[in-house]
Amino acid sequence: MPLRGIRGATTVPEDNKYLVLAATQELLSTMQTANNFVPEDLASILFTATPDLCSVYPAQAARLLGWNQVPLLDFQEIAVPGALPHCIRILIHLNTEQPQNEIKHIYLGEARSLRPDL
């Protein structure tokens, strides 16, 4: 079965644990619905957060959704001048027969500006 990547990103208005977890859960749920997968289909998930977000690991949101067997890893984005602030990015590695051109990448909030083509 092929391994596919699903990209997503979202933003929060400020560094607040509850806002980060809620926004990350919303993004994960939207990615799941759009791509019709179950947690057992996931190989792993990588999370990044901009340096201005440090109140909580975004990966904790997946655990709160019950995704307890999925390998998760958090990273800090590099501090690029002028980059979108308060941004959480996700890369899901999905085992699926779905062709690459049918994968739906999800960008929410201010992160929509990162991929206007979607």
N, C-alpha and C. Protein backbone atom coordinates (compact mmCIF):
# COMPACT_ATOMS: atom_id res chain seq x y z
N MET A 1 0.86 -1.19 0.00
CA MET A 1 0.00 0.00 0.00
C MET A 1 0.90 1.24 0.00
N PRO A 2 0.62 2.19 -0.88
CA PRO A 2 1.44 3.41 -0.93
C PRO A 2 1.33 4.26 0.34
N LEU A 3 2.38 5.01 0.59
CA LEU A 3 2.41 5.97 1.68
C LEU A 3 2.26 7.35 1.06
N ARG A 4 1.28 8.13 1.53
CA ARG A 4 1.02 9.47 1.02
C ARG A 4 1.19 10.49 2.14
N GLY A 5 1.49 11.72 1.76
CA GLY A 5 1.58 12.81 2.72
C GLY A 5 0.39 13.73 2.59
N ILE A 6 -0.14 14.14 3.73
CA ILE A 6 -1.21 15.14 3.77
C ILE A 6 -0.68 16.33 4.55
N ARG A 7 -0.69 17.51 3.91
CA ARG A 7 -0.20 18.71 4.57
C ARG A 7 -1.36 19.54 5.09
N GLY A 8 -1.11 20.23 6.17
CA GLY A 8 -2.10 21.13 6.72
C GLY A 8 -1.44 22.18 7.59
N ALA A 9 -2.15 23.27 7.79
CA ALA A 9 -1.64 24.34 8.66
C ALA A 9 -2.82 25.15 9.18
N THR A 10 -2.60 25.75 10.33
CA THR A 10 -3.58 26.64 10.93
C THR A 10 -2.85 27.67 11.77
N THR A 11 -3.59 28.61 12.28
CA THR A 11 -3.00 29.65 13.14
C THR A 11 -3.87 29.84 14.38
N VAL A 12 -3.27 30.45 15.37
CA VAL A 12 -3.98 30.86 16.59
C VAL A 12 -3.67 32.33 16.82
N PRO A 13 -4.55 33.06 17.50
CA PRO A 13 -4.31 34.48 17.72
C PRO A 13 -3.21 34.79 18.73
N GLU A 14 -2.93 33.82 19.62
CA GLU A 14 -1.90 34.03 20.66
C GLU A 14 -1.43 32.69 21.19
N ASP A 15 -0.32 32.70 21.90
CA ASP A 15 0.22 31.48 22.49
C ASP A 15 -0.56 31.15 23.77
N ASN A 16 -1.51 30.28 23.62
CA ASN A 16 -2.36 29.85 24.72
C ASN A 16 -2.60 28.36 24.53
N LYS A 17 -2.30 27.59 25.55
CA LYS A 17 -2.40 26.13 25.48
C LYS A 17 -3.74 25.67 24.90
N TYR A 18 -4.82 26.23 25.38
CA TYR A 18 -6.15 25.78 24.97
C TYR A 18 -6.45 26.16 23.52
N LEU A 19 -5.98 27.33 23.10
CA LEU A 19 -6.17 27.74 21.71
C LEU A 19 -5.36 26.86 20.76
N VAL A 20 -4.13 26.55 21.14
CA VAL A 20 -3.26 25.70 20.31
C VAL A 20 -3.87 24.30 20.18
N LEU A 21 -4.30 23.73 21.29
CA LEU A 21 -4.89 22.38 21.24
C LEU A 21 -6.19 22.37 20.44
N ALA A 22 -7.04 23.36 20.64
CA ALA A 22 -8.32 23.41 19.91
C ALA A 22 -8.08 23.58 18.41
N ALA A 23 -7.17 24.47 18.03
CA ALA A 23 -6.90 24.70 16.61
C ALA A 23 -6.27 23.46 15.97
N THR A 24 -5.39 22.79 16.69
CA THR A 24 -4.75 21.59 16.16
C THR A 24 -5.75 20.46 16.02
N GLN A 25 -6.63 20.29 17.01
CA GLN A 25 -7.68 19.27 16.90
C GLN A 25 -8.61 19.56 15.73
N GLU A 26 -8.97 20.83 15.53
CA GLU A 26 -9.82 21.19 14.41
C GLU A 26 -9.14 20.84 13.08
N LEU A 27 -7.86 21.15 12.98
CA LEU A 27 -7.12 20.85 11.75
C LEU A 27 -7.03 19.35 11.52
N LEU A 28 -6.68 18.58 12.54
CA LEU A 28 -6.60 17.12 12.40
C LEU A 28 -7.95 16.53 11.99
N SER A 29 -9.01 16.96 12.64
CA SER A 29 -10.34 16.45 12.32
C SER A 29 -10.76 16.79 10.90
N THR A 30 -10.44 18.00 10.47
CA THR A 30 -10.77 18.43 9.11
C THR A 30 -9.97 17.63 8.09
N MET A 31 -8.69 17.39 8.38
CA MET A 31 -7.85 16.57 7.49
C MET A 31 -8.38 15.15 7.41
N GLN A 32 -8.83 14.61 8.54
CA GLN A 32 -9.37 13.26 8.58
C GLN A 32 -10.66 13.16 7.76
N THR A 33 -11.56 14.09 7.95
CA THR A 33 -12.82 14.07 7.22
C THR A 33 -12.60 14.23 5.72
N ALA A 34 -11.75 15.17 5.35
CA ALA A 34 -11.50 15.44 3.93
C ALA A 34 -10.84 14.27 3.21
N ASN A 35 -10.05 13.47 3.95
CA ASN A 35 -9.30 12.39 3.33
C ASN A 35 -9.78 11.00 3.73
N ASN A 36 -10.85 10.96 4.53
CA ASN A 36 -11.53 9.70 4.85
C ASN A 36 -10.57 8.60 5.34
N PHE A 37 -9.86 8.88 6.44
CA PHE A 37 -9.00 7.86 7.02
C PHE A 37 -9.36 7.61 8.48
N VAL A 38 -8.87 6.50 9.01
CA VAL A 38 -8.98 6.18 10.43
C VAL A 38 -7.56 6.18 11.00
N PRO A 39 -7.41 6.39 12.30
CA PRO A 39 -6.07 6.45 12.88
C PRO A 39 -5.20 5.22 12.57
N GLU A 40 -5.80 4.06 12.39
CA GLU A 40 -5.03 2.86 12.08
C GLU A 40 -4.35 2.94 10.72
N ASP A 41 -4.80 3.85 9.86
CA ASP A 41 -4.18 4.04 8.54
C ASP A 41 -2.92 4.90 8.60
N LEU A 42 -2.66 5.54 9.74
CA LEU A 42 -1.57 6.50 9.85
C LEU A 42 -0.24 5.84 10.19
N ALA A 43 0.80 6.21 9.44
CA ALA A 43 2.15 5.73 9.75
C ALA A 43 2.78 6.61 10.82
N SER A 44 2.58 7.93 10.71
CA SER A 44 3.11 8.88 11.68
C SER A 44 2.59 10.27 11.35
N ILE A 45 2.79 11.19 12.30
CA ILE A 45 2.43 12.59 12.08
C ILE A 45 3.55 13.47 12.62
N LEU A 46 3.96 14.45 11.81
CA LEU A 46 4.93 15.45 12.23
C LEU A 46 4.20 16.77 12.43
N PHE A 47 4.51 17.45 13.52
CA PHE A 47 3.92 18.74 13.86
C PHE A 47 5.04 19.76 13.96
N THR A 48 4.79 20.97 13.46
CA THR A 48 5.72 22.07 13.71
C THR A 48 4.93 23.25 14.25
N ALA A 49 5.62 24.07 15.00
CA ALA A 49 5.03 25.31 15.53
C ALA A 49 6.07 26.41 15.38
N THR A 50 5.61 27.60 15.08
CA THR A 50 6.52 28.73 14.99
C THR A 50 7.09 29.02 16.38
N PRO A 51 8.26 29.67 16.45
CA PRO A 51 8.92 29.88 17.74
C PRO A 51 8.09 30.67 18.76
N ASP A 52 7.06 31.38 18.31
CA ASP A 52 6.23 32.14 19.23
C ASP A 52 5.14 31.29 19.90
N LEU A 53 5.12 29.99 19.58
CA LEU A 53 4.18 29.07 20.23
C LEU A 53 4.96 28.06 21.06
N CYS A 54 4.86 28.17 22.37
CA CYS A 54 5.64 27.28 23.24
C CYS A 54 4.86 26.83 24.48
N SER A 55 3.54 27.05 24.51
CA SER A 55 2.76 26.71 25.70
C SER A 55 2.40 25.23 25.79
N VAL A 56 2.43 24.51 24.65
CA VAL A 56 2.03 23.11 24.63
C VAL A 56 2.56 22.47 23.35
N TYR A 57 2.78 21.16 23.39
CA TYR A 57 3.13 20.43 22.18
C TYR A 57 1.86 20.24 21.34
N PRO A 58 1.84 20.68 20.08
CA PRO A 58 0.64 20.46 19.27
C PRO A 58 0.25 18.98 19.13
N ALA A 59 1.21 18.09 19.19
CA ALA A 59 0.91 16.66 19.09
C ALA A 59 -0.04 16.17 20.18
N GLN A 60 -0.06 16.86 21.29
CA GLN A 60 -0.97 16.47 22.38
C GLN A 60 -2.42 16.47 21.90
N ALA A 61 -2.73 17.31 20.93
CA ALA A 61 -4.10 17.36 20.39
C ALA A 61 -4.50 16.03 19.77
N ALA A 62 -3.57 15.34 19.13
CA ALA A 62 -3.88 14.03 18.54
C ALA A 62 -4.18 13.01 19.64
N ARG A 63 -3.43 13.08 20.72
CA ARG A 63 -3.69 12.17 21.84
C ARG A 63 -5.07 12.44 22.44
N LEU A 64 -5.45 13.71 22.52
CA LEU A 64 -6.76 14.05 23.06
C LEU A 64 -7.89 13.56 22.15
N LEU A 65 -7.58 13.36 20.86
CA LEU A 65 -8.56 12.79 19.93
C LEU A 65 -8.61 11.26 20.03
N GLY A 66 -7.71 10.69 20.85
CA GLY A 66 -7.69 9.24 21.01
C GLY A 66 -6.74 8.53 20.06
N TRP A 67 -5.91 9.28 19.37
CA TRP A 67 -4.96 8.69 18.43
C TRP A 67 -3.72 8.26 19.20
N ASN A 68 -3.87 7.26 20.03
CA ASN A 68 -2.83 6.86 20.99
C ASN A 68 -1.77 5.93 20.44
N GLN A 69 -2.01 5.28 19.30
CA GLN A 69 -1.03 4.35 18.73
C GLN A 69 -0.22 4.97 17.59
N VAL A 70 -0.53 6.19 17.22
CA VAL A 70 0.15 6.85 16.10
C VAL A 70 1.45 7.49 16.59
N PRO A 71 2.59 7.20 15.95
CA PRO A 71 3.82 7.89 16.31
C PRO A 71 3.73 9.38 15.96
N LEU A 72 4.05 10.24 16.92
CA LEU A 72 3.93 11.69 16.76
C LEU A 72 5.27 12.34 17.12
N LEU A 73 5.58 13.45 16.45
CA LEU A 73 6.79 14.17 16.78
C LEU A 73 6.59 15.66 16.52
N ASP A 74 7.01 16.48 17.49
CA ASP A 74 6.91 17.94 17.39
C ASP A 74 8.27 18.53 17.05
N PHE A 75 8.24 19.62 16.26
CA PHE A 75 9.43 20.37 15.90
C PHE A 75 9.12 21.85 16.01
N GLN A 76 10.18 22.66 16.13
CA GLN A 76 10.01 24.11 16.08
C GLN A 76 10.41 24.57 14.68
N GLU A 77 9.57 25.41 14.09
CA GLU A 77 9.88 26.01 12.79
C GLU A 77 11.10 26.91 12.93
N ILE A 78 11.84 27.08 11.86
CA ILE A 78 12.94 28.04 11.90
C ILE A 78 12.35 29.45 11.88
N ALA A 79 13.04 30.36 12.50
CA ALA A 79 12.55 31.73 12.64
C ALA A 79 12.90 32.56 11.40
N VAL A 80 12.09 32.46 10.38
CA VAL A 80 12.30 33.20 9.14
C VAL A 80 11.68 34.59 9.28
N PRO A 81 12.43 35.64 9.04
CA PRO A 81 11.85 36.99 9.13
C PRO A 81 10.65 37.14 8.19
N GLY A 82 9.57 37.70 8.72
CA GLY A 82 8.37 37.93 7.93
C GLY A 82 7.45 36.72 7.78
N ALA A 83 7.83 35.59 8.39
CA ALA A 83 6.99 34.39 8.28
C ALA A 83 5.68 34.57 9.04
N LEU A 84 4.69 33.78 8.67
CA LEU A 84 3.39 33.82 9.33
C LEU A 84 3.54 33.46 10.81
N PRO A 85 3.12 34.33 11.72
CA PRO A 85 3.26 34.04 13.16
C PRO A 85 2.16 33.10 13.67
N HIS A 86 2.40 32.55 14.84
CA HIS A 86 1.42 31.70 15.54
C HIS A 86 0.87 30.60 14.65
N CYS A 87 1.75 29.93 13.93
CA CYS A 87 1.35 28.94 12.94
C CYS A 87 1.73 27.52 13.37
N ILE A 88 0.80 26.61 13.18
CA ILE A 88 0.99 25.18 13.45
C ILE A 88 0.87 24.48 12.11
N ARG A 89 1.87 23.67 11.79
CA ARG A 89 1.84 22.91 10.53
C ARG A 89 1.85 21.42 10.86
N ILE A 90 1.22 20.65 9.98
CA ILE A 90 1.12 19.20 10.18
C ILE A 90 1.46 18.49 8.88
N LEU A 91 2.19 17.39 8.99
CA LEU A 91 2.41 16.47 7.88
C LEU A 91 2.00 15.09 8.36
N ILE A 92 0.91 14.59 7.80
CA ILE A 92 0.43 13.25 8.12
C ILE A 92 0.97 12.27 7.07
N HIS A 93 1.53 11.16 7.53
CA HIS A 93 1.96 10.08 6.65
C HIS A 93 0.87 9.01 6.69
N LEU A 94 0.19 8.84 5.55
CA LEU A 94 -1.01 8.01 5.47
C LEU A 94 -0.79 6.83 4.54
N ASN A 95 -1.08 5.62 5.02
CA ASN A 95 -1.10 4.43 4.18
C ASN A 95 -2.46 4.39 3.48
N THR A 96 -2.45 4.50 2.15
CA THR A 96 -3.71 4.58 1.43
C THR A 96 -3.53 4.17 -0.03
N GLU A 97 -4.59 3.68 -0.62
CA GLU A 97 -4.61 3.40 -2.05
C GLU A 97 -5.03 4.64 -2.83
N GLN A 98 -5.41 5.70 -2.12
CA GLN A 98 -5.85 6.93 -2.76
C GLN A 98 -4.70 7.53 -3.58
N PRO A 99 -4.95 7.89 -4.85
CA PRO A 99 -3.89 8.51 -5.66
C PRO A 99 -3.46 9.86 -5.08
N GLN A 100 -2.21 10.23 -5.32
CA GLN A 100 -1.66 11.48 -4.80
C GLN A 100 -2.51 12.68 -5.20
N ASN A 101 -3.04 12.68 -6.42
CA ASN A 101 -3.80 13.84 -6.89
C ASN A 101 -5.18 13.96 -6.24
N GLU A 102 -5.57 12.96 -5.46
CA GLU A 102 -6.84 13.02 -4.74
C GLU A 102 -6.69 13.38 -3.26
N ILE A 103 -5.45 13.50 -2.79
CA ILE A 103 -5.19 13.90 -1.41
C ILE A 103 -5.61 15.36 -1.25
N LYS A 104 -6.32 15.64 -0.17
CA LYS A 104 -6.79 17.00 0.10
C LYS A 104 -5.97 17.60 1.24
N HIS A 105 -5.19 18.62 0.91
CA HIS A 105 -4.39 19.34 1.89
C HIS A 105 -5.26 20.45 2.47
N ILE A 106 -5.14 20.71 3.77
CA ILE A 106 -6.06 21.61 4.47
C ILE A 106 -5.30 22.77 5.12
N TYR A 107 -5.76 23.97 4.84
CA TYR A 107 -5.17 25.18 5.43
C TYR A 107 -6.31 26.01 6.01
N LEU A 108 -6.23 26.29 7.30
CA LEU A 108 -7.28 27.00 8.01
C LEU A 108 -6.75 28.33 8.56
N GLY A 109 -7.67 29.21 8.90
CA GLY A 109 -7.31 30.50 9.51
C GLY A 109 -6.39 31.30 8.61
N GLU A 110 -5.46 32.02 9.22
CA GLU A 110 -4.51 32.83 8.47
C GLU A 110 -3.58 31.98 7.62
N ALA A 111 -3.48 30.69 7.92
CA ALA A 111 -2.61 29.79 7.15
C ALA A 111 -3.11 29.58 5.72
N ARG A 112 -4.35 29.98 5.43
CA ARG A 112 -4.83 29.90 4.05
C ARG A 112 -3.93 30.69 3.11
N SER A 113 -3.29 31.73 3.63
CA SER A 113 -2.41 32.56 2.81
C SER A 113 -1.16 31.80 2.35
N LEU A 114 -0.83 30.69 3.01
CA LEU A 114 0.34 29.91 2.64
C LEU A 114 0.13 29.14 1.34
N ARG A 115 -1.10 28.78 1.07
CA ARG A 115 -1.42 27.99 -0.13
C ARG A 115 -2.68 28.53 -0.80
N PRO A 116 -2.62 29.70 -1.39
CA PRO A 116 -3.80 30.26 -2.06
C PRO A 116 -4.28 29.40 -3.23
N ASP A 117 -3.40 28.53 -3.74
CA ASP A 117 -3.79 27.64 -4.85
C ASP A 117 -4.76 26.56 -4.40
N LEU A 118 -4.87 26.32 -3.12
CA LEU A 118 -5.79 25.30 -2.62
C LEU A 118 -7.08 25.95 -2.19
